[in-house]
Amino acid sequence: MRLKPLINEIVRKIVPAFFTLTVLVATPVNSMAAEALPTMPPAGYDQARNNIPHGQINSITYQSSATKSQRKARIYLPPGYSKNNKYSVLYLLHGYGGSEGDWFTGGGAANVILDNLIADGKIQPFIIVTPNANTSSISDSKLPDDILNSLIPYIDSHYSVYTDRLHRAIAGLSYGGPQSYNIGCTNMNKFAYVGGFFRRRTGCLSHQQVISRSCSYTSADEAIVSLHWNQ
């Protein structure tokens, strides 16, 4: 199977899981029981609606201490974004072979899902940041440094966001799932939520190996989300 059709198939299967994660991230910690989370989204959850406000998707460029170069990312600002308000942030990683735009233009429809949820009063508005985690652009060993020490400080200083861990999450699709675990679960002082949507085996690490290596503990104010499929 060619890479592009494979990526599209992965996105098609995993977008409903992203719907669940957005509800979880936008809900105060410990305020929603697991059984209250939606198992499947309602019809039309990822379909653009013309009669509601829409957020903005912007390209940003920041200086990376990891690569000693300028790197690109995308940012979703929710409808009505204002410097007078503070927002939580989800750092959302793409799948293998992808780029920073995939969650918005590659079939993910993350912005559409959030626009709809916000319009329906299901979640509080928050910001999504999508870095370029492609291994042709940056190695896995340098990615944590890039996100933790360059991208997050850039977002914290340029946008009206909360800067504490309880208002910051990281998640990823496919190959981005283990990347998110490796960054988030080893830096729980930075993230209160860590999510991964991937096959039972992604690369050389299985779903269970990723969790046992990186997410060996949780506490009352930490949420580890793992959503995967068998085939």
Protein backbone atom coordinates (compact mmCIF):
# COMPACT_ATOMS: atom_id res chain seq x y z
CA MET A 1 0.00 0.00 0.00
CA ARG A 2 1.30 3.43 -0.89
CA LEU A 3 2.09 5.83 1.94
CA LYS A 4 -0.64 8.44 1.23
CA PRO A 5 -3.58 5.96 1.10
CA LEU A 6 -2.23 4.31 4.25
CA ILE A 7 -2.08 7.64 6.09
CA ASN A 8 -5.62 8.48 4.95
CA GLU A 9 -6.89 5.13 6.22
CA ILE A 10 -5.19 5.66 9.58
CA VAL A 11 -6.69 9.13 9.89
CA ARG A 12 -10.16 7.82 8.97
CA LYS A 13 -10.02 5.25 11.76
CA ILE A 14 -8.53 7.48 14.42
CA VAL A 15 -10.40 10.80 14.06
CA PRO A 16 -13.29 9.55 16.27
CA ALA A 17 -10.72 8.88 19.00
CA PHE A 18 -9.49 12.45 18.68
CA PHE A 19 -13.07 13.59 19.39
CA THR A 20 -12.95 11.79 22.75
CA LEU A 21 -9.55 13.26 23.60
CA THR A 22 -10.72 16.82 22.93
CA VAL A 23 -13.59 16.37 25.39
CA LEU A 24 -11.20 14.95 27.98
CA VAL A 25 -8.56 17.66 27.58
CA ALA A 26 -11.12 20.45 27.77
CA THR A 27 -12.64 19.06 30.98
CA PRO A 28 -11.20 19.98 34.41
CA VAL A 29 -9.05 17.19 35.85
CA ASN A 30 -10.99 14.65 37.94
CA SER A 31 -14.37 16.19 37.02
CA MET A 32 -15.46 13.54 34.51
CA ALA A 33 -15.67 9.82 35.17
CA ALA A 34 -14.41 7.49 32.45
CA GLU A 35 -17.87 6.05 31.87
CA ALA A 36 -19.16 9.56 31.11
CA LEU A 37 -16.78 10.04 28.19
CA PRO A 38 -18.30 9.56 24.71
CA THR A 39 -17.46 6.22 23.11
CA MET A 40 -18.46 7.30 19.60
CA PRO A 41 -19.01 10.84 18.36
CA PRO A 42 -22.38 11.99 17.00
CA ALA A 43 -23.06 12.16 13.28
CA GLY A 44 -21.55 15.19 11.62
CA TYR A 45 -19.00 15.85 14.34
CA ASP A 46 -16.23 16.34 11.75
CA GLN A 47 -18.30 18.13 9.11
CA ALA A 48 -17.76 21.88 8.61
CA ARG A 49 -20.78 24.00 9.47
CA ASN A 50 -21.24 27.42 7.89
CA ASN A 51 -23.56 28.80 10.55
CA ILE A 52 -21.08 28.78 13.45
CA PRO A 53 -17.91 30.77 14.27
CA HIS A 54 -14.65 29.27 13.03
CA GLY A 55 -11.17 29.33 14.50
CA GLN A 56 -8.01 30.39 12.74
CA ILE A 57 -5.16 28.18 11.54
CA ASN A 58 -1.84 30.01 11.29
CA SER A 59 1.68 28.96 10.36
CA ILE A 60 4.40 29.90 12.84
CA THR A 61 8.20 29.82 12.69
CA TYR A 62 10.37 29.46 15.78
CA GLN A 63 14.05 29.06 16.50
CA SER A 64 14.92 25.54 17.65
CA SER A 65 17.72 24.99 20.13
CA ALA A 66 17.72 21.31 19.14
CA THR A 67 18.38 21.80 15.43
CA LYS A 68 19.95 25.27 15.59
CA SER A 69 17.56 26.31 12.83
CA GLN A 70 14.17 27.83 12.13
CA ARG A 71 11.35 25.31 12.29
CA LYS A 72 7.70 25.50 11.30
CA ALA A 73 4.51 24.56 13.14
CA ARG A 74 0.80 25.24 12.83
CA ILE A 75 -1.46 26.70 15.48
CA TYR A 76 -5.24 26.61 15.80
CA LEU A 77 -6.74 29.59 17.64
CA PRO A 78 -10.36 28.98 18.69
CA PRO A 79 -13.21 31.27 17.62
CA GLY A 80 -13.14 34.53 19.55
CA TYR A 81 -9.53 34.09 20.63
CA SER A 82 -8.61 37.07 22.81
CA LYS A 83 -5.49 38.17 24.63
CA ASN A 84 -7.79 39.00 27.53
CA ASN A 85 -8.42 35.29 28.12
CA LYS A 86 -6.13 32.37 28.96
CA TYR A 87 -6.25 29.11 27.02
CA SER A 88 -5.11 25.53 27.51
CA VAL A 89 -2.84 24.03 24.84
CA LEU A 90 -2.78 20.62 23.15
CA TYR A 91 0.45 19.74 21.33
CA LEU A 92 -0.73 17.34 18.64
CA LEU A 93 1.73 15.19 16.66
CA HIS A 94 1.11 13.75 13.18
CA GLY A 95 1.80 10.21 11.96
CA TYR A 96 4.82 8.72 10.21
CA GLY A 97 5.82 10.58 7.07
CA GLY A 98 3.50 13.47 7.86
CA SER A 99 4.02 17.15 8.55
CA GLU A 100 2.71 19.96 10.73
CA GLY A 101 -0.34 20.56 8.52
CA ASP A 102 -1.75 17.04 8.49
CA TRP A 103 -4.22 17.46 11.36
CA PHE A 104 -5.86 20.35 9.50
CA THR A 105 -5.43 19.63 5.78
CA GLY A 106 -4.51 15.94 5.68
CA GLY A 107 -7.92 14.56 6.65
CA GLY A 108 -7.72 15.02 10.41
CA ALA A 109 -10.21 17.92 10.60
CA ALA A 110 -9.05 18.82 14.12
CA ASN A 111 -10.10 22.44 13.64
CA VAL A 112 -13.56 21.43 12.40
CA ILE A 113 -14.09 19.10 15.36
CA LEU A 114 -13.14 21.82 17.84
CA ASP A 115 -15.22 24.48 16.08
CA ASN A 116 -18.27 22.21 16.35
CA LEU A 117 -17.67 21.21 19.97
CA ILE A 118 -17.12 24.82 21.03
CA ALA A 119 -20.22 26.01 19.15
CA ASP A 120 -22.33 23.30 20.83
CA GLY A 121 -21.02 24.26 24.27
CA LYS A 122 -19.47 20.81 24.78
CA ILE A 123 -15.94 22.08 25.58
CA GLN A 124 -14.12 25.23 26.64
CA PRO A 125 -12.05 26.80 23.83
CA PHE A 126 -8.40 25.75 23.73
CA ILE A 127 -5.43 26.02 21.38
CA ILE A 128 -3.87 23.25 19.27
CA VAL A 129 -0.22 23.37 18.21
CA THR A 130 1.02 20.88 15.59
CA PRO A 131 4.82 20.64 15.24
CA ASN A 132 6.71 18.98 12.40
CA ALA A 133 7.87 15.73 13.99
CA ASN A 134 8.84 14.03 10.73
CA THR A 135 12.07 12.08 11.24
CA SER A 136 13.39 13.49 7.96
CA SER A 137 13.15 16.93 9.57
CA ILE A 138 14.24 16.14 13.13
CA SER A 139 15.45 12.98 14.86
CA ASP A 140 13.48 11.34 17.65
CA SER A 141 16.37 12.05 20.02
CA LYS A 142 16.16 15.79 19.33
CA LEU A 143 12.38 16.11 19.25
CA PRO A 144 11.89 16.35 23.04
CA ASP A 145 14.42 19.18 23.27
CA ASP A 146 12.75 20.94 20.36
CA ILE A 147 9.24 20.78 21.84
CA LEU A 148 10.12 21.29 25.51
CA ASN A 149 12.79 23.96 25.21
CA SER A 150 11.86 25.82 22.03
CA LEU A 151 8.28 25.32 20.84
CA ILE A 152 6.55 25.46 24.22
CA PRO A 153 8.45 28.59 25.34
CA TYR A 154 7.61 30.21 22.00
CA ILE A 155 3.90 29.51 22.42
CA ASP A 156 3.96 30.60 26.07
CA SER A 157 5.55 33.94 25.16
CA HIS A 158 3.58 34.73 21.99
CA TYR A 159 0.04 33.63 22.88
CA SER A 160 -2.32 34.07 25.80
CA VAL A 161 -2.02 30.59 27.31
CA TYR A 162 -1.80 29.00 30.72
CA THR A 163 1.79 27.97 31.38
CA ASP A 164 1.22 25.35 34.09
CA ARG A 165 1.13 21.61 33.45
CA LEU A 166 -2.56 21.23 34.30
CA HIS A 167 -3.47 23.21 31.18
CA ARG A 168 -1.07 21.49 28.77
CA ALA A 169 -1.45 18.17 26.90
CA ILE A 170 0.46 16.21 24.27
CA ALA A 171 -0.92 13.52 21.95
CA GLY A 172 -0.07 11.90 18.66
CA LEU A 173 -1.35 9.76 15.81
CA SER A 174 0.36 6.53 14.74
CA TYR A 175 4.14 7.11 15.03
CA GLY A 176 3.30 10.32 16.88
CA GLY A 177 1.70 8.23 19.64
CA PRO A 178 4.97 6.74 20.95
CA GLN A 179 6.65 10.11 20.37
CA SER A 180 4.02 11.72 22.61
CA TYR A 181 4.46 9.07 25.29
CA ASN A 182 8.23 9.40 25.23
CA ILE A 183 7.99 13.18 25.63
CA GLY A 184 4.94 13.53 27.87
CA CYS A 185 5.31 10.65 30.27
CA THR A 186 8.92 11.47 31.06
CA ASN A 187 8.05 15.13 31.62
CA MET A 188 4.92 15.02 33.72
CA ASN A 189 5.97 18.31 35.28
CA LYS A 190 5.10 19.82 31.87
CA PHE A 191 1.99 17.84 30.86
CA ALA A 192 -1.08 16.68 32.75
CA TYR A 193 -2.48 14.74 29.78
CA VAL A 194 -0.71 12.35 27.40
CA GLY A 195 -2.53 10.62 24.54
CA GLY A 196 -1.66 8.19 21.80
CA PHE A 197 -3.70 6.82 18.88
CA PHE A 198 -1.81 4.04 17.13
CA ARG A 199 -1.73 0.42 16.01
CA ARG A 200 -0.72 -2.24 18.49
CA ARG A 201 2.71 -2.09 16.89
CA THR A 202 4.19 1.17 15.65
CA GLY A 203 7.79 0.97 14.50
CA CYS A 204 9.82 -1.31 16.77
CA LEU A 205 7.88 -0.68 19.99
CA SER A 206 4.57 -2.30 20.86
CA HIS A 207 1.74 -0.45 22.57
CA GLN A 208 2.54 -2.21 25.85
CA GLN A 209 6.28 -1.51 25.59
CA VAL A 210 5.74 2.21 25.05
CA ILE A 211 3.54 2.47 28.13
CA SER A 212 5.83 0.36 30.35
CA ARG A 213 8.92 2.29 29.32
CA SER A 214 7.51 5.80 29.54
CA CYS A 215 4.29 5.82 31.56
CA SER A 216 5.17 3.81 34.63
CA TYR A 217 3.17 6.01 37.00
CA THR A 218 0.17 8.26 37.21
CA SER A 219 -1.37 10.33 39.98
CA ALA A 220 -4.73 11.93 40.69
CA ASP A 221 -4.01 14.87 38.39
CA GLU A 222 -2.55 12.94 35.46
CA ALA A 223 -4.40 11.34 32.57
CA ILE A 224 -2.85 8.76 30.25
CA VAL A 225 -5.00 8.00 27.22
CA SER A 226 -4.23 5.13 24.85
CA LEU A 227 -6.50 4.40 21.89
CA HIS A 228 -5.52 1.77 19.33
CA TRP A 229 -6.93 -0.72 16.84
CA ASN A 230 -5.94 -4.25 15.92
CA GLN A 231 -5.40 -4.08 12.16
